[in-house]
Amino acid sequence: MAQVRINLEPAKAKLSQAKINRGRYAMANQAIMDMNPFVPMREGILRMESHISSDGSSIIYSSPYAARMFYMYMRNYTTPGTGPRWDIKAKRMFMSSWIDAFVKGADW
């Protein structure tokens, strides 16, 4: 009877949690750069106070008014092209570059 051995170590190495976290971090970093032009800017504080969680699973805006600016429409935005839900605006334009950043960061 013939025996078949399958070595799954290379596949496990490619799909390791560390590589996925690196890919997420690279993608989140690219997303922050691409979303910045759509973030409302009066003094630039909201744009400067964004960072990525350690595993790359989320982008955090640490200003006390960040949630209000993200979800609520306000009048008189000082910078043209900015407003709430800047993630959706950027996603339409840059999703392919975010995927490329994940693939490159995860070394796939």
PDB file of N, CA and C in Angstrom:
ATOM      1  N   MET A   1       0.825  -1.166   0.000  1.00  0.00           N
ATOM      2  CA  MET A   1       0.000   0.000   0.000  1.00  0.00           C
ATOM      3  C   MET A   1       0.884   1.249   0.000  1.00  0.00           C
ATOM      4  N   ALA A   2       0.520   2.214  -0.819  1.00  0.00           N
ATOM      5  CA  ALA A   2       1.312   3.436  -0.950  1.00  0.00           C
ATOM      6  C   ALA A   2       0.940   4.435   0.147  1.00  0.00           C
ATOM      7  N   GLN A   3       1.937   5.133   0.597  1.00  0.00           N
ATOM      8  CA  GLN A   3       1.715   6.170   1.596  1.00  0.00           C
ATOM      9  C   GLN A   3       2.003   7.532   0.981  1.00  0.00           C
ATOM     10  N   VAL A   4       1.176   8.466   1.323  1.00  0.00           N
ATOM     11  CA  VAL A   4       1.363   9.833   0.839  1.00  0.00           C
ATOM     12  C   VAL A   4       1.621  10.720   2.051  1.00  0.00           C
ATOM     13  N   ARG A   5       2.683  11.469   1.980  1.00  0.00           N
ATOM     14  CA  ARG A   5       3.003  12.409   3.056  1.00  0.00           C
ATOM     15  C   ARG A   5       2.877  13.831   2.505  1.00  0.00           C
ATOM     16  N   ILE A   6       2.196  14.615   3.235  1.00  0.00           N
ATOM     17  CA  ILE A   6       2.013  16.008   2.831  1.00  0.00           C
ATOM     18  C   ILE A   6       2.653  16.890   3.890  1.00  0.00           C
ATOM     19  N   ASN A   7       3.559  17.725   3.443  1.00  0.00           N
ATOM     20  CA  ASN A   7       4.237  18.648   4.348  1.00  0.00           C
ATOM     21  C   ASN A   7       3.481  19.981   4.337  1.00  0.00           C
ATOM     22  N   LEU A   8       2.803  20.272   5.417  1.00  0.00           N
ATOM     23  CA  LEU A   8       2.024  21.508   5.511  1.00  0.00           C
ATOM     24  C   LEU A   8       2.770  22.635   6.208  1.00  0.00           C
ATOM     25  N   GLU A   9       4.012  22.415   6.564  1.00  0.00           N
ATOM     26  CA  GLU A   9       4.774  23.446   7.280  1.00  0.00           C
ATOM     27  C   GLU A   9       4.905  24.750   6.490  1.00  0.00           C
ATOM     28  N   PRO A  10       5.209  24.711   5.171  1.00  0.00           N
ATOM     29  CA  PRO A  10       5.284  25.988   4.435  1.00  0.00           C
ATOM     30  C   PRO A  10       3.944  26.745   4.426  1.00  0.00           C
ATOM     31  N   ALA A  11       2.848  26.013   4.305  1.00  0.00           N
ATOM     32  CA  ALA A  11       1.534  26.662   4.316  1.00  0.00           C
ATOM     33  C   ALA A  11       1.236  27.243   5.695  1.00  0.00           C
ATOM     34  N   LYS A  12       1.582  26.505   6.744  1.00  0.00           N
ATOM     35  CA  LYS A  12       1.367  27.007   8.101  1.00  0.00           C
ATOM     36  C   LYS A  12       2.211  28.251   8.362  1.00  0.00           C
ATOM     37  N   ALA A  13       3.427  28.257   7.823  1.00  0.00           N
ATOM     38  CA  ALA A  13       4.296  29.424   8.009  1.00  0.00           C
ATOM     39  C   ALA A  13       3.718  30.650   7.300  1.00  0.00           C
ATOM     40  N   LYS A  14       3.170  30.448   6.086  1.00  0.00           N
ATOM     41  CA  LYS A  14       2.586  31.573   5.352  1.00  0.00           C
ATOM     42  C   LYS A  14       1.334  32.107   6.030  1.00  0.00           C
ATOM     43  N   LEU A  15       0.572  31.225   6.656  1.00  0.00           N
ATOM     44  CA  LEU A  15      -0.685  31.618   7.280  1.00  0.00           C
ATOM     45  C   LEU A  15      -0.563  31.832   8.783  1.00  0.00           C
ATOM     46  N   SER A  16       0.641  32.038   9.258  1.00  0.00           N
ATOM     47  CA  SER A  16       0.841  32.219  10.700  1.00  0.00           C
ATOM     48  C   SER A  16       0.215  33.530  11.170  1.00  0.00           C
ATOM     49  N   GLN A  17      -0.116  33.567  12.435  1.00  0.00           N
ATOM     50  CA  GLN A  17      -0.738  34.764  13.007  1.00  0.00           C
ATOM     51  C   GLN A  17       0.199  35.970  12.946  1.00  0.00           C
ATOM     52  N   ALA A  18       1.489  35.729  13.093  1.00  0.00           N
ATOM     53  CA  ALA A  18       2.453  36.834  13.032  1.00  0.00           C
ATOM     54  C   ALA A  18       2.448  37.490  11.653  1.00  0.00           C
ATOM     55  N   LYS A  19       2.389  36.678  10.592  1.00  0.00           N
ATOM     56  CA  LYS A  19       2.358  37.248   9.237  1.00  0.00           C
ATOM     57  C   LYS A  19       1.045  37.983   8.984  1.00  0.00           C
ATOM     58  N   ILE A  20      -0.039  37.433   9.476  1.00  0.00           N
ATOM     59  CA  ILE A  20      -1.328  38.103   9.303  1.00  0.00           C
ATOM     60  C   ILE A  20      -1.330  39.442  10.041  1.00  0.00           C
ATOM     61  N   ASN A  21      -0.780  39.469  11.252  1.00  0.00           N
ATOM     62  CA  ASN A  21      -0.700  40.730  12.002  1.00  0.00           C
ATOM     63  C   ASN A  21       0.178  41.751  11.294  1.00  0.00           C
ATOM     64  N   ARG A  22       1.298  41.295  10.708  1.00  0.00           N
ATOM     65  CA  ARG A  22       2.160  42.216   9.949  1.00  0.00           C
ATOM     66  C   ARG A  22       1.424  42.770   8.736  1.00  0.00           C
ATOM     67  N   GLY A  23       0.666  41.907   8.060  1.00  0.00           N
ATOM     68  CA  GLY A  23      -0.118  42.359   6.913  1.00  0.00           C
ATOM     69  C   GLY A  23      -1.186  43.358   7.308  1.00  0.00           C
ATOM     70  N   ARG A  24      -1.869  43.083   8.419  1.00  0.00           N
ATOM     71  CA  ARG A  24      -2.883  44.015   8.918  1.00  0.00           C
ATOM     72  C   ARG A  24      -2.269  45.363   9.265  1.00  0.00           C
ATOM     73  N   TYR A  25      -1.117  45.325   9.913  1.00  0.00           N
ATOM     74  CA  TYR A  25      -0.452  46.566  10.319  1.00  0.00           C
ATOM     75  C   TYR A  25      -0.053  47.389   9.089  1.00  0.00           C
ATOM     76  N   ALA A  26       0.483  46.706   8.075  1.00  0.00           N
ATOM     77  CA  ALA A  26       0.867  47.404   6.840  1.00  0.00           C
ATOM     78  C   ALA A  26      -0.359  47.994   6.147  1.00  0.00           C
ATOM     79  N   MET A  27      -1.455  47.239   6.131  1.00  0.00           N
ATOM     80  CA  MET A  27      -2.675  47.726   5.499  1.00  0.00           C
ATOM     81  C   MET A  27      -3.248  48.921   6.265  1.00  0.00           C
ATOM     82  N   ALA A  28      -3.257  48.850   7.581  1.00  0.00           N
ATOM     83  CA  ALA A  28      -3.776  49.962   8.382  1.00  0.00           C
ATOM     84  C   ALA A  28      -2.915  51.207   8.210  1.00  0.00           C
ATOM     85  N   ASN A  29      -1.613  51.020   8.115  1.00  0.00           N
ATOM     86  CA  ASN A  29      -0.708  52.147   7.898  1.00  0.00           C
ATOM     87  C   ASN A  29      -0.996  52.816   6.555  1.00  0.00           C
ATOM     88  N   GLN A  30      -1.204  52.004   5.521  1.00  0.00           N
ATOM     89  CA  GLN A  30      -1.540  52.543   4.202  1.00  0.00           C
ATOM     90  C   GLN A  30      -2.901  53.239   4.244  1.00  0.00           C
ATOM     91  N   ALA A  31      -3.849  52.660   4.970  1.00  0.00           N
ATOM     92  CA  ALA A  31      -5.185  53.254   5.064  1.00  0.00           C
ATOM     93  C   ALA A  31      -5.134  54.621   5.744  1.00  0.00           C
ATOM     94  N   ILE A  32      -4.342  54.746   6.797  1.00  0.00           N
ATOM     95  CA  ILE A  32      -4.211  56.055   7.464  1.00  0.00           C
ATOM     96  C   ILE A  32      -3.666  57.091   6.488  1.00  0.00           C
ATOM     97  N   MET A  33      -2.645  56.714   5.737  1.00  0.00           N
ATOM     98  CA  MET A  33      -2.066  57.669   4.783  1.00  0.00           C
ATOM     99  C   MET A  33      -3.084  58.064   3.717  1.00  0.00           C
ATOM    100  N   ASP A  34      -3.875  57.092   3.240  1.00  0.00           N
ATOM    101  CA  ASP A  34      -4.844  57.386   2.188  1.00  0.00           C
ATOM    102  C   ASP A  34      -6.066  58.142   2.708  1.00  0.00           C
ATOM    103  N   MET A  35      -6.441  57.927   3.970  1.00  0.00           N
ATOM    104  CA  MET A  35      -7.618  58.598   4.525  1.00  0.00           C
ATOM    105  C   MET A  35      -7.329  60.022   4.991  1.00  0.00           C
ATOM    106  N   ASN A  36      -6.089  60.345   5.262  1.00  0.00           N
ATOM    107  CA  ASN A  36      -5.746  61.658   5.819  1.00  0.00           C
ATOM    108  C   ASN A  36      -6.311  62.845   5.034  1.00  0.00           C
ATOM    109  N   PRO A  37      -6.291  62.834   3.701  1.00  0.00           N
ATOM    110  CA  PRO A  37      -6.855  63.995   2.991  1.00  0.00           C
ATOM    111  C   PRO A  37      -8.355  64.194   3.211  1.00  0.00           C
ATOM    112  N   PHE A  38      -9.061  63.158   3.671  1.00  0.00           N
ATOM    113  CA  PHE A  38     -10.506  63.252   3.872  1.00  0.00           C
ATOM    114  C   PHE A  38     -10.886  63.558   5.319  1.00  0.00           C
ATOM    115  N   VAL A  39      -9.906  63.540   6.218  1.00  0.00           N
ATOM    116  CA  VAL A  39     -10.157  63.833   7.636  1.00  0.00           C
ATOM    117  C   VAL A  39     -10.282  65.344   7.796  1.00  0.00           C
ATOM    118  N   PRO A  40     -11.338  65.820   8.467  1.00  0.00           N
ATOM    119  CA  PRO A  40     -11.488  67.266   8.663  1.00  0.00           C
ATOM    120  C   PRO A  40     -10.263  67.862   9.360  1.00  0.00           C
ATOM    121  N   MET A  41      -9.887  69.052   8.888  1.00  0.00           N
ATOM    122  CA  MET A  41      -8.677  69.656   9.450  1.00  0.00           C
ATOM    123  C   MET A  41      -8.897  71.144   9.678  1.00  0.00           C
ATOM    124  N   ARG A  42      -8.929  71.516  10.896  1.00  0.00           N
ATOM    125  CA  ARG A  42      -8.910  72.944  11.212  1.00  0.00           C
ATOM    126  C   ARG A  42      -7.494  73.294  11.656  1.00  0.00           C
ATOM    127  N   GLU A  43      -7.012  72.581  12.658  1.00  0.00           N
ATOM    128  CA  GLU A  43      -5.647  72.800  13.140  1.00  0.00           C
ATOM    129  C   GLU A  43      -4.757  71.588  12.880  1.00  0.00           C
ATOM    130  N   GLY A  44      -5.329  70.492  12.375  1.00  0.00           N
ATOM    131  CA  GLY A  44      -4.546  69.302  12.050  1.00  0.00           C
ATOM    132  C   GLY A  44      -4.379  68.319  13.183  1.00  0.00           C
ATOM    133  N   ILE A  45      -4.992  68.586  14.327  1.00  0.00           N
ATOM    134  CA  ILE A  45      -4.794  67.725  15.488  1.00  0.00           C
ATOM    135  C   ILE A  45      -5.411  66.353  15.265  1.00  0.00           C
ATOM    136  N   LEU A  46      -6.604  66.297  14.690  1.00  0.00           N
ATOM    137  CA  LEU A  46      -7.268  65.015  14.466  1.00  0.00           C
ATOM    138  C   LEU A  46      -6.451  64.136  13.524  1.00  0.00           C
ATOM    139  N   ARG A  47      -5.877  64.731  12.512  1.00  0.00           N
ATOM    140  CA  ARG A  47      -5.044  63.965  11.579  1.00  0.00           C
ATOM    141  C   ARG A  47      -3.774  63.455  12.242  1.00  0.00           C
ATOM    142  N   MET A  48      -3.216  64.230  13.144  1.00  0.00           N
ATOM    143  CA  MET A  48      -1.952  63.840  13.784  1.00  0.00           C
ATOM    144  C   MET A  48      -2.142  62.810  14.890  1.00  0.00           C
ATOM    145  N   GLU A  49      -3.331  62.724  15.463  1.00  0.00           N
ATOM    146  CA  GLU A  49      -3.544  61.837  16.600  1.00  0.00           C
ATOM    147  C   GLU A  49      -4.180  60.515  16.205  1.00  0.00           C
ATOM    148  N   SER A  50      -3.793  59.979  15.077  1.00  0.00           N
ATOM    149  CA  SER A  50      -4.265  58.655  14.686  1.00  0.00           C
ATOM    150  C   SER A  50      -3.124  57.664  14.861  1.00  0.00           C
ATOM    151  N   HIS A  51      -3.471  56.478  15.327  1.00  0.00           N
ATOM    152  CA  HIS A  51      -2.482  55.418  15.456  1.00  0.00           C
ATOM    153  C   HIS A  51      -3.161  54.070  15.255  1.00  0.00           C
ATOM    154  N   ILE A  52      -2.345  53.039  15.158  1.00  0.00           N
ATOM    155  CA  ILE A  52      -2.822  51.695  14.851  1.00  0.00           C
ATOM    156  C   ILE A  52      -2.687  50.834  16.095  1.00  0.00           C
ATOM    157  N   SER A  53      -3.667  49.954  16.324  1.00  0.00           N
ATOM    158  CA  SER A  53      -3.558  49.021  17.450  1.00  0.00           C
ATOM    159  C   SER A  53      -2.384  48.077  17.201  1.00  0.00           C
ATOM    160  N   SER A  54      -1.892  47.456  18.251  1.00  0.00           N
ATOM    161  CA  SER A  54      -0.660  46.663  18.152  1.00  0.00           C
ATOM    162  C   SER A  54      -0.774  45.493  17.183  1.00  0.00           C
ATOM    163  N   ASP A  55      -1.960  44.910  17.038  1.00  0.00           N
ATOM    164  CA  ASP A  55      -2.109  43.799  16.098  1.00  0.00           C
ATOM    165  C   ASP A  55      -2.585  44.265  14.728  1.00  0.00           C
ATOM    166  N   GLY A  56      -2.762  45.559  14.547  1.00  0.00           N
ATOM    167  CA  GLY A  56      -3.148  46.108  13.258  1.00  0.00           C
ATOM    168  C   GLY A  56      -4.618  45.953  12.933  1.00  0.00           C
ATOM    169  N   SER A  57      -5.432  45.579  13.915  1.00  0.00           N
ATOM    170  CA  SER A  57      -6.842  45.310  13.633  1.00  0.00           C
ATOM    171  C   SER A  57      -7.703  46.567  13.594  1.00  0.00           C
ATOM    172  N   SER A  58      -7.201  47.689  14.103  1.00  0.00           N
ATOM    173  CA  SER A  58      -8.024  48.898  14.093  1.00  0.00           C
ATOM    174  C   SER A  58      -7.161  50.153  14.058  1.00  0.00           C
ATOM    175  N   ILE A  59      -7.772  51.199  13.523  1.00  0.00           N
ATOM    176  CA  ILE A  59      -7.159  52.524  13.502  1.00  0.00           C
ATOM    177  C   ILE A  59      -7.862  53.345  14.573  1.00  0.00           C
ATOM    178  N   ILE A  60      -7.088  54.004  15.407  1.00  0.00           N
ATOM    179  CA  ILE A  60      -7.640  54.722  16.551  1.00  0.00           C
ATOM    180  C   ILE A  60      -7.331  56.213  16.401  1.00  0.00           C
ATOM    181  N   TYR A  61      -8.379  57.019  16.476  1.00  0.00           N
ATOM    182  CA  TYR A  61      -8.227  58.469  16.527  1.00  0.00           C
ATOM    183  C   TYR A  61      -8.460  58.853  17.980  1.00  0.00           C
ATOM    184  N   SER A  62      -7.439  59.363  18.648  1.00  0.00           N
ATOM    185  CA  SER A  62      -7.504  59.535  20.099  1.00  0.00           C
ATOM    186  C   SER A  62      -7.977  60.912  20.558  1.00  0.00           C
ATOM    187  N   SER A  63      -8.351  61.775  19.671  1.00  0.00           N
ATOM    188  CA  SER A  63      -8.892  63.086  20.076  1.00  0.00           C
ATOM    189  C   SER A  63     -10.250  62.892  20.745  1.00  0.00           C
ATOM    190  N   PRO A  64     -10.577  63.716  21.724  1.00  0.00           N
ATOM    191  CA  PRO A  64     -11.864  63.552  22.410  1.00  0.00           C
ATOM    192  C   PRO A  64     -13.067  63.781  21.498  1.00  0.00           C
ATOM    193  N   TYR A  65     -12.899  64.539  20.446  1.00  0.00           N
ATOM    194  CA  TYR A  65     -14.010  64.842  19.545  1.00  0.00           C
ATOM    195  C   TYR A  65     -13.970  64.000  18.271  1.00  0.00           C
ATOM    196  N   ALA A  66     -13.125  62.999  18.198  1.00  0.00           N
ATOM    197  CA  ALA A  66     -12.955  62.208  16.977  1.00  0.00           C
ATOM    198  C   ALA A  66     -14.231  61.471  16.584  1.00  0.00           C
ATOM    199  N   ALA A  67     -14.921  60.871  17.539  1.00  0.00           N
ATOM    200  CA  ALA A  67     -16.151  60.131  17.218  1.00  0.00           C
ATOM    201  C   ALA A  67     -17.214  61.061  16.647  1.00  0.00           C
ATOM    202  N   ARG A  68     -17.340  62.232  17.230  1.00  0.00           N
ATOM    203  CA  ARG A  68     -18.330  63.195  16.733  1.00  0.00           C
ATOM    204  C   ARG A  68     -17.997  63.612  15.306  1.00  0.00           C
ATOM    205  N   MET A  69     -16.740  63.876  15.029  1.00  0.00           N
ATOM    206  CA  MET A  69     -16.334  64.275  13.680  1.00  0.00           C
ATOM    207  C   MET A  69     -16.501  63.128  12.691  1.00  0.00           C
ATOM    208  N   PHE A  70     -16.331  61.891  13.164  1.00  0.00           N
ATOM    209  CA  PHE A  70     -16.414  60.731  12.285  1.00  0.00           C
ATOM    210  C   PHE A  70     -17.858  60.408  11.896  1.00  0.00           C
ATOM    211  N   TYR A  71     -18.783  60.508  12.843  1.00  0.00           N
ATOM    212  CA  TYR A  71     -20.153  60.071  12.588  1.00  0.00           C
ATOM    213  C   TYR A  71     -21.130  61.183  12.236  1.00  0.00           C
ATOM    214  N   MET A  72     -20.915  62.389  12.711  1.00  0.00           N
ATOM    215  CA  MET A  72     -21.911  63.448  12.540  1.00  0.00           C
ATOM    216  C   MET A  72     -21.501  64.439  11.460  1.00  0.00           C
ATOM    217  N   TYR A  73     -22.475  64.811  10.649  1.00  0.00           N
ATOM    218  CA  TYR A  73     -22.228  65.845   9.654  1.00  0.00           C
ATOM    219  C   TYR A  73     -22.257  67.201  10.343  1.00  0.00           C
ATOM    220  N   MET A  74     -21.267  68.007  10.065  1.00  0.00           N
ATOM    221  CA  MET A  74     -21.192  69.358  10.625  1.00  0.00           C
ATOM    222  C   MET A  74     -21.228  70.347   9.460  1.00  0.00           C
ATOM    223  N   ARG A  75     -21.483  71.564   9.775  1.00  0.00           N
ATOM    224  CA  ARG A  75     -21.428  72.600   8.745  1.00  0.00           C
ATOM    225  C   ARG A  75     -20.076  73.282   8.785  1.00  0.00           C
ATOM    226  N   ASN A  76     -19.768  73.931   7.709  1.00  0.00           N
ATOM    227  CA  ASN A  76     -18.576  74.773   7.617  1.00  0.00           C
ATOM    228  C   ASN A  76     -17.267  74.010   7.841  1.00  0.00           C
ATOM    229  N   TYR A  77     -17.078  72.930   7.101  1.00  0.00           N
ATOM    230  CA  TYR A  77     -15.773  72.277   7.142  1.00  0.00           C
ATOM    231  C   TYR A  77     -14.759  73.232   6.522  1.00  0.00           C
ATOM    232  N   THR A  78     -13.649  73.426   7.196  1.00  0.00           N
ATOM    233  CA  THR A  78     -12.679  74.416   6.737  1.00  0.00           C
ATOM    234  C   THR A  78     -11.851  73.913   5.568  1.00  0.00           C
ATOM    235  N   THR A  79     -11.746  72.610   5.405  1.00  0.00           N
ATOM    236  CA  THR A  79     -10.960  72.039   4.317  1.00  0.00           C
ATOM    237  C   THR A  79     -11.904  71.382   3.318  1.00  0.00           C
ATOM    238  N   PRO A  80     -11.885  71.797   2.050  1.00  0.00           N
ATOM    239  CA  PRO A  80     -12.780  71.202   1.055  1.00  0.00           C
ATOM    240  C   PRO A  80     -12.497  69.707   0.877  1.00  0.00           C
ATOM    241  N   GLY A  81     -13.559  68.934   0.658  1.00  0.00           N
ATOM    242  CA  GLY A  81     -13.415  67.497   0.421  1.00  0.00           C
ATOM    243  C   GLY A  81     -13.363  66.659   1.681  1.00  0.00           C
ATOM    244  N   THR A  82     -13.475  67.284   2.844  1.00  0.00           N
ATOM    245  CA  THR A  82     -13.438  66.535   4.096  1.00  0.00           C
ATOM    246  C   THR A  82     -14.843  66.426   4.674  1.00  0.00           C
ATOM    247  N   GLY A  83     -15.004  65.529   5.630  1.00  0.00           N
ATOM    248  CA  GLY A  83     -16.299  65.373   6.270  1.00  0.00           C
ATOM    249  C   GLY A  83     -16.369  64.071   7.032  1.00  0.00           C
ATOM    250  N   PRO A  84     -17.580  63.703   7.458  1.00  0.00           N
ATOM    251  CA  PRO A  84     -17.723  62.480   8.242  1.00  0.00           C
ATOM    252  C   PRO A  84     -17.517  61.238   7.375  1.00  0.00           C
ATOM    253  N   ARG A  85     -17.262  60.130   8.020  1.00  0.00           N
ATOM    254  CA  ARG A  85     -17.058  58.825   7.400  1.00  0.00           C
ATOM    255  C   ARG A  85     -16.012  58.883   6.277  1.00  0.00           C
ATOM    256  N   TRP A  86     -14.855  59.426   6.649  1.00  0.00           N
ATOM    257  CA  TRP A  86     -13.770  59.526   5.682  1.00  0.00           C
ATOM    258  C   TRP A  86     -13.261  58.160   5.259  1.00  0.00           C
ATOM    259  N   ASP A  87     -13.548  57.122   6.029  1.00  0.00           N
ATOM    260  CA  ASP A  87     -13.130  55.777   5.648  1.00  0.00           C
ATOM    261  C   ASP A  87     -13.862  55.301   4.401  1.00  0.00           C
ATOM    262  N   ILE A  88     -15.143  55.629   4.292  1.00  0.00           N
ATOM    263  CA  ILE A  88     -15.919  55.197   3.132  1.00  0.00           C
ATOM    264  C   ILE A  88     -15.455  55.934   1.883  1.00  0.00           C
ATOM    265  N   LYS A  89     -15.182  57.214   2.020  1.00  0.00           N
ATOM    266  CA  LYS A  89     -14.695  57.984   0.873  1.00  0.00           C
ATOM    267  C   LYS A  89     -13.371  57.424   0.369  1.00  0.00           C
ATOM    268  N   ALA A  90     -12.476  57.119   1.295  1.00  0.00           N
ATOM    269  CA  ALA A  90     -11.163  56.603   0.901  1.00  0.00           C
ATOM    270  C   ALA A  90     -11.255  55.167   0.398  1.00  0.00           C
ATOM    271  N   LYS A  91     -12.154  54.384   0.968  1.00  0.00           N
ATOM    272  CA  LYS A  91     -12.277  52.980   0.564  1.00  0.00           C
ATOM    273  C   LYS A  91     -12.642  52.858  -0.910  1.00  0.00           C
ATOM    274  N   ARG A  92     -13.530  53.726  -1.373  1.00  0.00           N
ATOM    275  CA  ARG A  92     -13.918  53.693  -2.781  1.00  0.00           C
ATOM    276  C   ARG A  92     -12.727  53.914  -3.706  1.00  0.00           C
ATOM    277  N   MET A  93     -11.794  54.728  -3.269  1.00  0.00           N
ATOM    278  CA  MET A  93     -10.672  55.088  -4.129  1.00  0.00           C
ATOM    279  C   MET A  93      -9.445  54.206  -3.944  1.00  0.00           C
ATOM    280  N   PHE A  94      -9.212  53.704  -2.734  1.00  0.00           N
ATOM    281  CA  PHE A  94      -7.919  53.103  -2.410  1.00  0.00           C
ATOM    282  C   PHE A  94      -7.962  51.646  -1.967  1.00  0.00           C
ATOM    283  N   MET A  95      -9.084  50.959  -2.093  1.00  0.00           N
ATOM    284  CA  MET A  95      -9.165  49.586  -1.587  1.00  0.00           C
ATOM    285  C   MET A  95      -8.109  48.682  -2.213  1.00  0.00           C
ATOM    286  N   SER A  96      -7.846  48.826  -3.487  1.00  0.00           N
ATOM    287  CA  SER A  96      -6.853  47.953  -4.128  1.00  0.00           C
ATOM    288  C   SER A  96      -5.454  48.186  -3.557  1.00  0.00           C
ATOM    289  N   SER A  97      -5.117  49.419  -3.227  1.00  0.00           N
ATOM    290  CA  SER A  97      -3.797  49.663  -2.633  1.00  0.00           C
ATOM    291  C   SER A  97      -3.732  49.130  -1.207  1.00  0.00           C
ATOM    292  N   TRP A  98      -4.859  49.096  -0.493  1.00  0.00           N
ATOM    293  CA  TRP A  98      -4.877  48.522   0.853  1.00  0.00           C
ATOM    294  C   TRP A  98      -4.669  47.013   0.788  1.00  0.00           C
ATOM    295  N   ILE A  99      -5.286  46.374  -0.195  1.00  0.00           N
ATOM    296  CA  ILE A  99      -5.097  44.928  -0.369  1.00  0.00           C
ATOM    297  C   ILE A  99      -3.649  44.634  -0.728  1.00  0.00           C
ATOM    298  N   ASP A 100      -3.082  45.426  -1.629  1.00  0.00           N
ATOM    299  CA  ASP A 100      -1.670  45.238  -1.997  1.00  0.00           C
ATOM    300  C   ASP A 100      -0.754  45.417  -0.793  1.00  0.00           C
ATOM    301  N   ALA A 101      -1.049  46.386   0.060  1.00  0.00           N
ATOM    302  CA  ALA A 101      -0.233  46.608   1.260  1.00  0.00           C
ATOM    303  C   ALA A 101      -0.329  45.418   2.206  1.00  0.00           C
ATOM    304  N   PHE A 102      -1.519  44.829   2.342  1.00  0.00           N
ATOM    305  CA  PHE A 102      -1.669  43.648   3.197  1.00  0.00           C
ATOM    306  C   PHE A 102      -0.853  42.481   2.654  1.00  0.00           C
ATOM    307  N   VAL A 103      -0.976  42.241   1.361  1.00  0.00           N
ATOM    308  CA  VAL A 103      -0.257  41.119   0.741  1.00  0.00           C
ATOM    309  C   VAL A 103       1.247  41.306   0.879  1.00  0.00           C
ATOM    310  N   LYS A 104       1.724  42.507   0.645  1.00  0.00           N
ATOM    311  CA  LYS A 104       3.159  42.772   0.776  1.00  0.00           C
ATOM    312  C   LYS A 104       3.611  42.671   2.231  1.00  0.00           C
ATOM    313  N   GLY A 105       2.816  43.201   3.157  1.00  0.00           N
ATOM    314  CA  GLY A 105       3.169  43.144   4.574  1.00  0.00           C
ATOM    315  C   GLY A 105       3.154  41.732   5.128  1.00  0.00           C
ATOM    316  N   ALA A 106       2.215  40.909   4.654  1.00  0.00           N
ATOM    317  CA  ALA A 106       2.117  39.523   5.120  1.00  0.00           C
ATOM    318  C   ALA A 106       3.096  38.612   4.391  1.00  0.00           C
ATOM    319  N   ASP A 107       3.787  39.152   3.401  1.00  0.00           N
ATOM    320  CA  ASP A 107       4.763  38.389   2.613  1.00  0.00           C
ATOM    321  C   ASP A 107       4.117  37.186   1.935  1.00  0.00           C
ATOM    322  N   TRP A 108       2.975  37.449   1.271  1.00  0.00           N
ATOM    323  CA  TRP A 108       2.295  36.374   0.552  1.00  0.00           C
ATOM    324  C   TRP A 108       2.702  36.408  -0.873  1.00  0.00           C
TER     325      TRP A 108
END
